[in-house]
């Protein structure tokens, strides 16, 4: 019976943390700084001590910084939710990072669109 889970334990736990974090953030509509935020991915260190959660929010650096502060304020609630949903020996430290890959992809798309219109 195949479960289609990544083989690496860190990857499996990162995927589970991503799912918990995304649902936790999307269910919380009280904080206006988080409106429109996208949790894009999660990554774990191999020793499972640190979880990096990546997010994207359109609207400029100020809005992104405000969203990061809002996420950091919700860190303890997220850790509690992860503890309820996942069986982990040690709770990882949760860090939040802006996912710059989305912005880079948008820039490339804009460049390609401009090149196409010039041709």
PDB file of N, CA and C in Angstrom:
ATOM      1  N   UNK A   1       0.843  -1.173   0.000  1.00  0.00           N
ATOM      2  CA  UNK A   1       0.000   0.000   0.000  1.00  0.00           C
ATOM      3  C   UNK A   1       0.893   1.243   0.000  1.00  0.00           C
ATOM      4  N   UNK A   2       0.839   2.004  -1.054  1.00  0.00           N
ATOM      5  CA  UNK A   2       1.643   3.216  -1.190  1.00  0.00           C
ATOM      6  C   UNK A   2       0.863   4.426  -0.698  1.00  0.00           C
ATOM      7  N   UNK A   3       1.537   5.265   0.090  1.00  0.00           N
ATOM      8  CA  UNK A   3       0.874   6.453   0.627  1.00  0.00           C
ATOM      9  C   UNK A   3       1.272   7.725  -0.113  1.00  0.00           C
ATOM     10  N   UNK A   4       2.185   7.625  -1.063  1.00  0.00           N
ATOM     11  CA  UNK A   4       2.666   8.785  -1.812  1.00  0.00           C
ATOM     12  C   UNK A   4       3.254   9.860  -0.907  1.00  0.00           C
ATOM     13  N   UNK A   5       3.898   9.470   0.177  1.00  0.00           N
ATOM     14  CA  UNK A   5       4.560  10.413   1.065  1.00  0.00           C
ATOM     15  C   UNK A   5       6.035  10.499   0.694  1.00  0.00           C
ATOM     16  N   UNK A   6       6.631  11.660   0.876  1.00  0.00           N
ATOM     17  CA  UNK A   6       8.078  11.736   0.634  1.00  0.00           C
ATOM     18  C   UNK A   6       8.812  10.732   1.524  1.00  0.00           C
ATOM     19  N   UNK A   7       9.897  10.191   1.040  1.00  0.00           N
ATOM     20  CA  UNK A   7      10.618   9.164   1.769  1.00  0.00           C
ATOM     21  C   UNK A   7      11.326   9.731   2.989  1.00  0.00           C
ATOM     22  N   UNK A   8      11.956  10.874   2.843  1.00  0.00           N
ATOM     23  CA  UNK A   8      12.731  11.482   3.913  1.00  0.00           C
ATOM     24  C   UNK A   8      11.806  11.926   5.052  1.00  0.00           C
ATOM     25  N   UNK A   9      12.150  11.555   6.285  1.00  0.00           N
ATOM     26  CA  UNK A   9      11.300  11.901   7.437  1.00  0.00           C
ATOM     27  C   UNK A   9      11.138  13.412   7.580  1.00  0.00           C
ATOM     28  N   UNK A  10      12.207  14.163   7.380  1.00  0.00           N
ATOM     29  CA  UNK A  10      12.122  15.625   7.485  1.00  0.00           C
ATOM     30  C   UNK A  10      11.149  16.185   6.451  1.00  0.00           C
ATOM     31  N   UNK A  11      11.158  15.632   5.242  1.00  0.00           N
ATOM     32  CA  UNK A  11      10.228  16.084   4.203  1.00  0.00           C
ATOM     33  C   UNK A  11       8.785  15.749   4.563  1.00  0.00           C
ATOM     34  N   UNK A  12       8.578  14.557   5.116  1.00  0.00           N
ATOM     35  CA  UNK A  12       7.212  14.168   5.518  1.00  0.00           C
ATOM     36  C   UNK A  12       6.689  15.088   6.607  1.00  0.00           C
ATOM     37  N   UNK A  13       7.503  15.359   7.606  1.00  0.00           N
ATOM     38  CA  UNK A  13       7.067  16.219   8.708  1.00  0.00           C
ATOM     39  C   UNK A  13       6.881  17.653   8.213  1.00  0.00           C
ATOM     40  N   UNK A  14       7.742  18.114   7.323  1.00  0.00           N
ATOM     41  CA  UNK A  14       7.588  19.458   6.753  1.00  0.00           C
ATOM     42  C   UNK A  14       6.256  19.577   6.022  1.00  0.00           C
ATOM     43  N   UNK A  15       5.886  18.548   5.271  1.00  0.00           N
ATOM     44  CA  UNK A  15       4.605  18.561   4.557  1.00  0.00           C
ATOM     45  C   UNK A  15       3.438  18.613   5.540  1.00  0.00           C
ATOM     46  N   UNK A  16       3.520  17.858   6.616  1.00  0.00           N
ATOM     47  CA  UNK A  16       2.459  17.871   7.623  1.00  0.00           C
ATOM     48  C   UNK A  16       2.389  19.225   8.331  1.00  0.00           C
ATOM     49  N   UNK A  17       3.529  19.799   8.646  1.00  0.00           N
ATOM     50  CA  UNK A  17       3.552  21.118   9.285  1.00  0.00           C
ATOM     51  C   UNK A  17       2.999  22.170   8.332  1.00  0.00           C
ATOM     52  N   UNK A  18       3.317  22.053   7.061  1.00  0.00           N
ATOM     53  CA  UNK A  18       2.761  22.968   6.058  1.00  0.00           C
ATOM     54  C   UNK A  18       1.233  22.923   6.087  1.00  0.00           C
ATOM     55  N   UNK A  19       0.671  21.719   6.103  1.00  0.00           N
ATOM     56  CA  UNK A  19      -0.785  21.577   6.100  1.00  0.00           C
ATOM     57  C   UNK A  19      -1.409  22.162   7.359  1.00  0.00           C
ATOM     58  N   UNK A  20      -0.820  21.883   8.508  1.00  0.00           N
ATOM     59  CA  UNK A  20      -1.340  22.421   9.767  1.00  0.00           C
ATOM     60  C   UNK A  20      -1.214  23.944   9.784  1.00  0.00           C
ATOM     61  N   UNK A  21      -0.066  24.460   9.365  1.00  0.00           N
ATOM     62  CA  UNK A  21       0.160  25.909   9.377  1.00  0.00           C
ATOM     63  C   UNK A  21      -0.794  26.622   8.427  1.00  0.00           C
ATOM     64  N   UNK A  22      -0.968  26.070   7.236  1.00  0.00           N
ATOM     65  CA  UNK A  22      -1.863  26.705   6.262  1.00  0.00           C
ATOM     66  C   UNK A  22      -3.287  26.761   6.793  1.00  0.00           C
ATOM     67  N   UNK A  23      -3.782  25.655   7.332  1.00  0.00           N
ATOM     68  CA  UNK A  23      -5.154  25.672   7.849  1.00  0.00           C
ATOM     69  C   UNK A  23      -5.269  26.584   9.066  1.00  0.00           C
ATOM     70  N   UNK A  24      -4.270  26.596   9.923  1.00  0.00           N
ATOM     71  CA  UNK A  24      -4.285  27.455  11.116  1.00  0.00           C
ATOM     72  C   UNK A  24      -4.336  28.931  10.719  1.00  0.00           C
ATOM     73  N   UNK A  25      -3.521  29.331   9.763  1.00  0.00           N
ATOM     74  CA  UNK A  25      -3.461  30.732   9.341  1.00  0.00           C
ATOM     75  C   UNK A  25      -4.726  31.122   8.584  1.00  0.00           C
ATOM     76  N   UNK A  26      -5.217  30.256   7.697  1.00  0.00           N
ATOM     77  CA  UNK A  26      -6.394  30.598   6.902  1.00  0.00           C
ATOM     78  C   UNK A  26      -7.655  30.655   7.751  1.00  0.00           C
ATOM     79  N   UNK A  27      -7.719  29.864   8.815  1.00  0.00           N
ATOM     80  CA  UNK A  27      -8.896  29.877   9.689  1.00  0.00           C
ATOM     81  C   UNK A  27      -8.938  31.123  10.563  1.00  0.00           C
ATOM     82  N   UNK A  28      -7.807  31.747  10.788  1.00  0.00           N
ATOM     83  CA  UNK A  28      -7.743  32.938  11.634  1.00  0.00           C
ATOM     84  C   UNK A  28      -7.951  34.172  10.765  1.00  0.00           C
ATOM     85  N   UNK A  29      -9.148  34.715  10.813  1.00  0.00           N
ATOM     86  CA  UNK A  29      -9.462  35.888   9.997  1.00  0.00           C
ATOM     87  C   UNK A  29      -9.524  37.159  10.834  1.00  0.00           C
ATOM     88  N   UNK A  30      -9.100  37.098  12.093  1.00  0.00           N
ATOM     89  CA  UNK A  30      -9.174  38.258  12.973  1.00  0.00           C
ATOM     90  C   UNK A  30      -8.099  39.300  12.679  1.00  0.00           C
ATOM     91  N   UNK A  31      -6.963  38.880  12.207  1.00  0.00           N
ATOM     92  CA  UNK A  31      -5.839  39.790  12.015  1.00  0.00           C
ATOM     93  C   UNK A  31      -5.810  40.281  10.567  1.00  0.00           C
ATOM     94  N   UNK A  32      -6.043  41.565  10.381  1.00  0.00           N
ATOM     95  CA  UNK A  32      -6.083  42.137   9.034  1.00  0.00           C
ATOM     96  C   UNK A  32      -4.736  42.055   8.326  1.00  0.00           C
ATOM     97  N   UNK A  33      -3.661  41.953   9.084  1.00  0.00           N
ATOM     98  CA  UNK A  33      -2.334  41.877   8.468  1.00  0.00           C
ATOM     99  C   UNK A  33      -2.139  40.569   7.707  1.00  0.00           C
ATOM    100  N   UNK A  34      -2.980  39.570   7.980  1.00  0.00           N
ATOM    101  CA  UNK A  34      -2.827  38.265   7.343  1.00  0.00           C
ATOM    102  C   UNK A  34      -3.802  38.043   6.189  1.00  0.00           C
ATOM    103  N   UNK A  35      -4.611  39.052   5.872  1.00  0.00           N
ATOM    104  CA  UNK A  35      -5.567  38.900   4.778  1.00  0.00           C
ATOM    105  C   UNK A  35      -4.798  38.803   3.460  1.00  0.00           C
ATOM    106  N   UNK A  36      -5.053  37.761   2.711  1.00  0.00           N
ATOM    107  CA  UNK A  36      -4.404  37.540   1.423  1.00  0.00           C
ATOM    108  C   UNK A  36      -3.089  36.790   1.493  1.00  0.00           C
ATOM    109  N   UNK A  37      -2.685  36.376   2.679  1.00  0.00           N
ATOM    110  CA  UNK A  37      -1.407  35.673   2.820  1.00  0.00           C
ATOM    111  C   UNK A  37      -1.515  34.263   2.250  1.00  0.00           C
ATOM    112  N   UNK A  38      -0.425  33.793   1.684  1.00  0.00           N
ATOM    113  CA  UNK A  38      -0.336  32.429   1.172  1.00  0.00           C
ATOM    114  C   UNK A  38       0.829  31.733   1.865  1.00  0.00           C
ATOM    115  N   UNK A  39       0.547  30.617   2.490  1.00  0.00           N
ATOM    116  CA  UNK A  39       1.621  29.772   3.009  1.00  0.00           C
ATOM    117  C   UNK A  39       2.064  28.923   1.825  1.00  0.00           C
ATOM    118  N   UNK A  40       3.301  29.097   1.389  1.00  0.00           N
ATOM    119  CA  UNK A  40       3.737  28.459   0.148  1.00  0.00           C
ATOM    120  C   UNK A  40       4.422  27.115   0.356  1.00  0.00           C
ATOM    121  N   UNK A  41       5.143  26.971   1.456  1.00  0.00           N
ATOM    122  CA  UNK A  41       5.829  25.696   1.706  1.00  0.00           C
ATOM    123  C   UNK A  41       6.402  25.699   3.113  1.00  0.00           C
ATOM    124  N   UNK A  42       6.882  24.535   3.515  1.00  0.00           N
ATOM    125  CA  UNK A  42       7.579  24.395   4.795  1.00  0.00           C
ATOM    126  C   UNK A  42       8.790  23.504   4.569  1.00  0.00           C
ATOM    127  N   UNK A  43       9.808  23.725   5.354  1.00  0.00           N
ATOM    128  CA  UNK A  43      11.028  22.918   5.273  1.00  0.00           C
ATOM    129  C   UNK A  43      11.503  22.628   6.690  1.00  0.00           C
ATOM    130  N   UNK A  44      12.092  21.458   6.876  1.00  0.00           N
ATOM    131  CA  UNK A  44      12.610  21.043   8.180  1.00  0.00           C
ATOM    132  C   UNK A  44      14.105  20.794   8.064  1.00  0.00           C
ATOM    133  N   UNK A  45      14.810  21.072   9.141  1.00  0.00           N
ATOM    134  CA  UNK A  45      16.204  20.653   9.202  1.00  0.00           C
ATOM    135  C   UNK A  45      16.219  19.138   9.373  1.00  0.00           C
ATOM    136  N   UNK A  46      17.315  18.496   9.001  1.00  0.00           N
ATOM    137  CA  UNK A  46      17.379  17.035   9.085  1.00  0.00           C
ATOM    138  C   UNK A  46      17.245  16.510  10.505  1.00  0.00           C
ATOM    139  N   UNK A  47      17.666  17.306  11.498  1.00  0.00           N
ATOM    140  CA  UNK A  47      17.523  16.853  12.885  1.00  0.00           C
ATOM    141  C   UNK A  47      16.150  17.204  13.471  1.00  0.00           C
ATOM    142  N   UNK A  48      15.267  17.758  12.639  1.00  0.00           N
ATOM    143  CA  UNK A  48      13.878  18.072  13.003  1.00  0.00           C
ATOM    144  C   UNK A  48      13.766  19.128  14.101  1.00  0.00           C
ATOM    145  N   UNK A  49      14.798  19.934  14.285  1.00  0.00           N
ATOM    146  CA  UNK A  49      14.767  20.918  15.365  1.00  0.00           C
ATOM    147  C   UNK A  49      14.203  22.272  14.930  1.00  0.00           C
ATOM    148  N   UNK A  50      14.215  22.536  13.625  1.00  0.00           N
ATOM    149  CA  UNK A  50      13.740  23.827  13.125  1.00  0.00           C
ATOM    150  C   UNK A  50      12.808  23.600  11.938  1.00  0.00           C
ATOM    151  N   UNK A  51      11.641  24.237  11.996  1.00  0.00           N
ATOM    152  CA  UNK A  51      10.709  24.242  10.867  1.00  0.00           C
ATOM    153  C   UNK A  51      10.703  25.647  10.280  1.00  0.00           C
ATOM    154  N   UNK A  52      10.937  25.722   8.993  1.00  0.00           N
ATOM    155  CA  UNK A  52      10.895  27.010   8.298  1.00  0.00           C
ATOM    156  C   UNK A  52       9.609  27.051   7.485  1.00  0.00           C
ATOM    157  N   UNK A  53       8.777  28.037   7.774  1.00  0.00           N
ATOM    158  CA  UNK A  53       7.510  28.185   7.065  1.00  0.00           C
ATOM    159  C   UNK A  53       7.629  29.409   6.165  1.00  0.00           C
ATOM    160  N   UNK A  54       7.393  29.192   4.875  1.00  0.00           N
ATOM    161  CA  UNK A  54       7.526  30.253   3.888  1.00  0.00           C
ATOM    162  C   UNK A  54       6.145  30.775   3.510  1.00  0.00           C
ATOM    163  N   UNK A  55       6.049  32.094   3.361  1.00  0.00           N
ATOM    164  CA  UNK A  55       4.772  32.715   3.019  1.00  0.00           C
ATOM    165  C   UNK A  55       4.990  33.759   1.936  1.00  0.00           C
ATOM    166  N   UNK A  56       3.886  34.141   1.299  1.00  0.00           N
ATOM    167  CA  UNK A  56       3.924  35.212   0.317  1.00  0.00           C
ATOM    168  C   UNK A  56       2.696  36.079   0.515  1.00  0.00           C
ATOM    169  N   UNK A  57       2.892  37.373   0.367  1.00  0.00           N
ATOM    170  CA  UNK A  57       1.798  38.334   0.441  1.00  0.00           C
ATOM    171  C   UNK A  57       2.109  39.452  -0.534  1.00  0.00           C
ATOM    172  N   UNK A  58       1.217  39.679  -1.461  1.00  0.00           N
ATOM    173  CA  UNK A  58       1.388  40.749  -2.433  1.00  0.00           C
ATOM    174  C   UNK A  58       1.075  42.081  -1.762  1.00  0.00           C
ATOM    175  N   UNK A  59       1.775  43.128  -2.136  1.00  0.00           N
ATOM    176  CA  UNK A  59       1.444  44.429  -1.582  1.00  0.00           C
ATOM    177  C   UNK A  59       2.616  45.227  -1.067  1.00  0.00           C
ATOM    178  N   UNK A  60       3.809  44.792  -1.308  1.00  0.00           N
ATOM    179  CA  UNK A  60       4.968  45.577  -0.908  1.00  0.00           C
ATOM    180  C   UNK A  60       5.614  45.124   0.383  1.00  0.00           C
ATOM    181  N   UNK A  61       6.810  45.657   0.605  1.00  0.00           N
ATOM    182  CA  UNK A  61       7.639  45.253   1.750  1.00  0.00           C
ATOM    183  C   UNK A  61       6.993  45.573   3.094  1.00  0.00           C
ATOM    184  N   UNK A  62       6.335  46.737   3.207  1.00  0.00           N
ATOM    185  CA  UNK A  62       5.717  47.102   4.489  1.00  0.00           C
ATOM    186  C   UNK A  62       4.631  46.109   4.879  1.00  0.00           C
ATOM    187  N   UNK A  63       3.810  45.751   3.907  1.00  0.00           N
ATOM    188  CA  UNK A  63       2.727  44.794   4.166  1.00  0.00           C
ATOM    189  C   UNK A  63       3.300  43.412   4.502  1.00  0.00           C
ATOM    190  N   UNK A  64       4.369  43.031   3.824  1.00  0.00           N
ATOM    191  CA  UNK A  64       5.000  41.737   4.081  1.00  0.00           C
ATOM    192  C   UNK A  64       5.634  41.700   5.467  1.00  0.00           C
ATOM    193  N   UNK A  65       6.272  42.790   5.870  1.00  0.00           N
ATOM    194  CA  UNK A  65       6.862  42.860   7.220  1.00  0.00           C
ATOM    195  C   UNK A  65       5.777  42.800   8.293  1.00  0.00           C
ATOM    196  N   UNK A  66       4.661  43.494   8.060  1.00  0.00           N
ATOM    197  CA  UNK A  66       3.550  43.459   9.017  1.00  0.00           C
ATOM    198  C   UNK A  66       2.994  42.043   9.130  1.00  0.00           C
ATOM    199  N   UNK A  67       2.894  41.352   7.996  1.00  0.00           N
ATOM    200  CA  UNK A  67       2.402  39.973   8.010  1.00  0.00           C
ATOM    201  C   UNK A  67       3.366  39.064   8.764  1.00  0.00           C
ATOM    202  N   UNK A  68       4.663  39.281   8.582  1.00  0.00           N
ATOM    203  CA  UNK A  68       5.653  38.467   9.297  1.00  0.00           C
ATOM    204  C   UNK A  68       5.532  38.678  10.803  1.00  0.00           C
ATOM    205  N   UNK A  69       5.332  39.916  11.228  1.00  0.00           N
ATOM    206  CA  UNK A  69       5.148  40.191  12.658  1.00  0.00           C
ATOM    207  C   UNK A  69       3.870  39.529  13.180  1.00  0.00           C
ATOM    208  N   UNK A  70       2.815  39.532  12.371  1.00  0.00           N
ATOM    209  CA  UNK A  70       1.562  38.880  12.768  1.00  0.00           C
ATOM    210  C   UNK A  70       1.765  37.375  12.904  1.00  0.00           C
ATOM    211  N   UNK A  71       2.502  36.779  11.969  1.00  0.00           N
ATOM    212  CA  UNK A  71       2.785  35.343  12.052  1.00  0.00           C
ATOM    213  C   UNK A  71       3.605  35.026  13.297  1.00  0.00           C
ATOM    214  N   UNK A  72       4.593  35.856  13.573  1.00  0.00           N
ATOM    215  CA  UNK A  72       5.425  35.627  14.755  1.00  0.00           C
ATOM    216  C   UNK A  72       4.604  35.747  16.036  1.00  0.00           C
ATOM    217  N   UNK A  73       3.603  36.616  16.035  1.00  0.00           N
ATOM    218  CA  UNK A  73       2.731  36.750  17.201  1.00  0.00           C
ATOM    219  C   UNK A  73       1.856  35.512  17.386  1.00  0.00           C
ATOM    220  N   UNK A  74       1.598  34.799  16.306  1.00  0.00           N
ATOM    221  CA  UNK A  74       0.757  33.596  16.362  1.00  0.00           C
ATOM    222  C   UNK A  74       1.575  32.314  16.500  1.00  0.00           C
ATOM    223  N   UNK A  75       2.875  32.443  16.649  1.00  0.00           N
ATOM    224  CA  UNK A  75       3.770  31.286  16.711  1.00  0.00           C
ATOM    225  C   UNK A  75       3.372  30.301  17.810  1.00  0.00           C
ATOM    226  N   UNK A  76       3.084  30.786  19.010  1.00  0.00           N
ATOM    227  CA  UNK A  76       2.777  29.865  20.116  1.00  0.00           C
ATOM    228  C   UNK A  76       1.477  29.114  19.852  1.00  0.00           C
ATOM    229  N   UNK A  77       0.488  29.780  19.283  1.00  0.00           N
ATOM    230  CA  UNK A  77      -0.764  29.101  18.938  1.00  0.00           C
ATOM    231  C   UNK A  77      -0.545  28.043  17.876  1.00  0.00           C
ATOM    232  N   UNK A  78       0.307  28.348  16.904  1.00  0.00           N
ATOM    233  CA  UNK A  78       0.619  27.384  15.855  1.00  0.00           C
ATOM    234  C   UNK A  78       1.358  26.182  16.432  1.00  0.00           C
ATOM    235  N   UNK A  79       2.308  26.426  17.329  1.00  0.00           N
ATOM    236  CA  UNK A  79       3.029  25.315  17.955  1.00  0.00           C
ATOM    237  C   UNK A  79       2.068  24.427  18.742  1.00  0.00           C
ATOM    238  N   UNK A  80       1.106  25.040  19.407  1.00  0.00           N
ATOM    239  CA  UNK A  80       0.111  24.266  20.152  1.00  0.00           C
ATOM    240  C   UNK A  80      -0.704  23.395  19.192  1.00  0.00           C
ATOM    241  N   UNK A  81      -1.111  23.973  18.060  1.00  0.00           N
ATOM    242  CA  UNK A  81      -1.893  23.231  17.064  1.00  0.00           C
ATOM    243  C   UNK A  81      -1.067  22.087  16.469  1.00  0.00           C
ATOM    244  N   UNK A  82       0.198  22.338  16.183  1.00  0.00           N
ATOM    245  CA  UNK A  82       1.076  21.287  15.657  1.00  0.00           C
ATOM    246  C   UNK A  82       1.204  20.168  16.686  1.00  0.00           C
ATOM    247  N   UNK A  83       1.363  20.537  17.948  1.00  0.00           N
ATOM    248  CA  UNK A  83       1.464  19.540  19.011  1.00  0.00           C
ATOM    249  C   UNK A  83       0.220  18.683  19.133  1.00  0.00           C
ATOM    250  N   UNK A  84      -0.944  19.271  18.872  1.00  0.00           N
ATOM    251  CA  UNK A  84      -2.195  18.512  18.930  1.00  0.00           C
ATOM    252  C   UNK A  84      -2.330  17.548  17.757  1.00  0.00           C
ATOM    253  N   UNK A  85      -1.865  17.965  16.584  1.00  0.00           N
ATOM    254  CA  UNK A  85      -2.130  17.202  15.366  1.00  0.00           C
ATOM    255  C   UNK A  85      -1.029  16.220  14.975  1.00  0.00           C
ATOM    256  N   UNK A  86       0.206  16.478  15.389  1.00  0.00           N
ATOM    257  CA  UNK A  86       1.318  15.621  14.985  1.00  0.00           C
ATOM    258  C   UNK A  86       1.964  14.971  16.200  1.00  0.00           C
ATOM    259  N   UNK A  87       2.422  13.759  16.012  1.00  0.00           N
ATOM    260  CA  UNK A  87       3.140  13.066  17.077  1.00  0.00           C
ATOM    261  C   UNK A  87       4.636  13.297  16.886  1.00  0.00           C
ATOM    262  N   UNK A  88       5.162  14.246  17.641  1.00  0.00           N
ATOM    263  CA  UNK A  88       6.580  14.576  17.554  1.00  0.00           C
ATOM    264  C   UNK A  88       7.213  14.440  18.931  1.00  0.00           C
ATOM    265  N   UNK A  89       8.421  13.893  18.970  1.00  0.00           N
ATOM    266  CA  UNK A  89       9.128  13.790  20.248  1.00  0.00           C
ATOM    267  C   UNK A  89       9.518  15.167  20.762  1.00  0.00           C
ATOM    268  N   UNK A  90       9.994  16.004  19.859  1.00  0.00           N
ATOM    269  CA  UNK A  90      10.438  17.350  20.222  1.00  0.00           C
ATOM    270  C   UNK A  90       9.740  18.344  19.301  1.00  0.00           C
ATOM    271  N   UNK A  91       9.196  19.397  19.885  1.00  0.00           N
ATOM    272  CA  UNK A  91       8.557  20.440  19.080  1.00  0.00           C
ATOM    273  C   UNK A  91       9.644  21.293  18.427  1.00  0.00           C
ATOM    274  N   UNK A  92       9.608  21.415  17.099  1.00  0.00           N
ATOM    275  CA  UNK A  92      10.636  22.221  16.433  1.00  0.00           C
ATOM    276  C   UNK A  92      10.423  23.715  16.669  1.00  0.00           C
ATOM    277  N   UNK A  93      11.502  24.454  16.568  1.00  0.00           N
ATOM    278  CA  UNK A  93      11.402  25.908  16.567  1.00  0.00           C
ATOM    279  C   UNK A  93      10.756  26.304  15.239  1.00  0.00           C
ATOM    280  N   UNK A  94       9.836  27.249  15.268  1.00  0.00           N
ATOM    281  CA  UNK A  94       9.134  27.688  14.064  1.00  0.00           C
ATOM    282  C   UNK A  94       9.690  29.047  13.643  1.00  0.00           C
ATOM    283  N   UNK A  95      10.169  29.134  12.412  1.00  0.00           N
ATOM    284  CA  UNK A  95      10.648  30.393  11.848  1.00  0.00           C
ATOM    285  C   UNK A  95       9.845  30.697  10.589  1.00  0.00           C
ATOM    286  N   UNK A  96       9.579  31.978  10.351  1.00  0.00           N
ATOM    287  CA  UNK A  96       8.817  32.410   9.182  1.00  0.00           C
ATOM    288  C   UNK A  96       9.725  33.188   8.236  1.00  0.00           C
ATOM    289  N   UNK A  97       9.563  32.911   6.934  1.00  0.00           N
ATOM    290  CA  UNK A  97      10.366  33.566   5.907  1.00  0.00           C
ATOM    291  C   UNK A  97       9.481  33.958   4.733  1.00  0.00           C
ATOM    292  N   UNK A  98       9.777  35.109   4.154  1.00  0.00           N
ATOM    293  CA  UNK A  98       9.109  35.525   2.933  1.00  0.00           C
ATOM    294  C   UNK A  98       9.621  34.647   1.797  1.00  0.00           C
ATOM    295  N   UNK A  99       8.707  34.064   1.037  1.00  0.00           N
ATOM    296  CA  UNK A  99       9.084  33.218  -0.092  1.00  0.00           C
ATOM    297  C   UNK A  99       9.336  34.114  -1.301  1.00  0.00           C
ATOM    298  N   UNK A 100      10.587  34.371  -1.579  1.00  0.00           N
ATOM    299  CA  UNK A 100      10.951  35.271  -2.669  1.00  0.00           C
ATOM    300  C   UNK A 100      10.836  34.603  -4.032  1.00  0.00           C
ATOM    301  N   UNK A 101      10.646  33.306  -4.054  1.00  0.00           N
ATOM    302  CA  UNK A 101      10.486  32.596  -5.319  1.00  0.00           C
ATOM    303  C   UNK A 101       9.255  33.048  -6.077  1.00  0.00           C
ATOM    304  N   UNK A 102       8.196  33.400  -5.358  1.00  0.00           N
ATOM    305  CA  UNK A 102       6.968  33.861  -6.003  1.00  0.00           C
ATOM    306  C   UNK A 102       7.216  35.204  -6.682  1.00  0.00           C
ATOM    307  N   UNK A 103       7.883  36.119  -5.994  1.00  0.00           N
ATOM    308  CA  UNK A 103       8.197  37.422  -6.594  1.00  0.00           C
ATOM    309  C   UNK A 103       9.110  37.253  -7.804  1.00  0.00           C
ATOM    310  N   UNK A 104      10.080  36.377  -7.696  1.00  0.00           N
ATOM    311  CA  UNK A 104      10.989  36.136  -8.821  1.00  0.00           C
ATOM    312  C   UNK A 104      10.229  35.581 -10.021  1.00  0.00           C
ATOM    313  N   UNK A 105       9.302  34.674  -9.783  1.00  0.00           N
ATOM    314  CA  UNK A 105       8.506  34.101 -10.867  1.00  0.00           C
ATOM    315  C   UNK A 105       7.645  35.179 -11.526  1.00  0.00           C
ATOM    316  N   UNK A 106       7.079  36.074 -10.718  1.00  0.00           N
ATOM    317  CA  UNK A 106       6.274  37.161 -11.279  1.00  0.00           C
ATOM    318  C   UNK A 106       7.135  38.096 -12.125  1.00  0.00           C
ATOM    319  N   UNK A 107       8.354  38.384 -11.667  1.00  0.00           N
ATOM    320  CA  UNK A 107       9.258  39.238 -12.442  1.00  0.00           C
ATOM    321  C   UNK A 107       9.615  38.595 -13.779  1.00  0.00           C
ATOM    322  N   UNK A 108       9.904  37.310 -13.758  1.00  0.00           N
ATOM    323  CA  UNK A 108      10.247  36.593 -14.992  1.00  0.00           C
ATOM    324  C   UNK A 108       9.059  36.591 -15.942  1.00  0.00           C
ATOM    325  N   UNK A 109       7.872  36.369 -15.399  1.00  0.00           N
ATOM    326  CA  UNK A 109       6.661  36.373 -16.218  1.00  0.00           C
ATOM    327  C   UNK A 109       6.451  37.739 -16.873  1.00  0.00           C
ATOM    328  N   UNK A 110       6.682  38.806 -16.129  1.00  0.00           N
ATOM    329  CA  UNK A 110       6.543  40.165 -16.662  1.00  0.00           C
ATOM    330  C   UNK A 110       7.571  40.425 -17.762  1.00  0.00           C
ATOM    331  N   UNK A 111       8.803  39.977 -17.561  1.00  0.00           N
ATOM    332  CA  UNK A 111       9.847  40.142 -18.581  1.00  0.00           C
ATOM    333  C   UNK A 111       9.469  39.395 -19.851  1.00  0.00           C
ATOM    334  N   UNK A 112       8.991  38.164 -19.698  1.00  0.00           N
ATOM    335  CA  UNK A 112       8.589  37.379 -20.868  1.00  0.00           C
ATOM    336  C   UNK A 112       7.420  38.029 -21.596  1.00  0.00           C
ATOM    337  N   UNK A 113       6.490  38.586 -20.839  1.00  0.00           N
ATOM    338  CA  UNK A 113       5.344  39.261 -21.447  1.00  0.00           C
ATOM    339  C   UNK A 113       5.814  40.478 -22.246  1.00  0.00           C
ATOM    340  N   UNK A 114       6.760  41.242 -21.683  1.00  0.00           N
ATOM    341  CA  UNK A 114       7.300  42.411 -22.384  1.00  0.00           C
ATOM    342  C   UNK A 114       8.058  42.006 -23.645  1.00  0.00           C
ATOM    343  N   UNK A 115       8.828  40.935 -23.558  1.00  0.00           N
ATOM    344  CA  UNK A 115       9.554  40.455 -24.734  1.00  0.00           C
ATOM    345  C   UNK A 115       8.592  40.007 -25.827  1.00  0.00           C
ATOM    346  N   UNK A 116       7.531  39.345 -25.427  1.00  0.00           N
ATOM    347  CA  UNK A 116       6.547  38.847 -26.387  1.00  0.00           C
ATOM    348  C   UNK A 116       5.848  40.008 -27.093  1.00  0.00           C
ATOM    349  N   UNK A 117       5.542  41.075 -26.339  1.00  0.00           N
ATOM    350  CA  UNK A 117       4.862  42.222 -26.948  1.00  0.00           C
ATOM    351  C   UNK A 117       5.791  43.002 -27.879  1.00  0.00           C
ATOM    352  N   UNK A 118       7.102  42.942 -27.640  1.00  0.00           N
ATOM    353  CA  UNK A 118       8.061  43.638 -28.495  1.00  0.00           C
ATOM    354  C   UNK A 118       8.296  42.909 -29.808  1.00  0.00           C
ATOM    355  N   UNK A 119       8.063  41.611 -29.825  1.00  0.00           N
ATOM    356  CA  UNK A 119       8.346  40.810 -31.023  1.00  0.00           C
ATOM    357  C   UNK A 119       7.239  40.884 -32.004  1.00  0.00           C
TER     358      UNK A 119
END
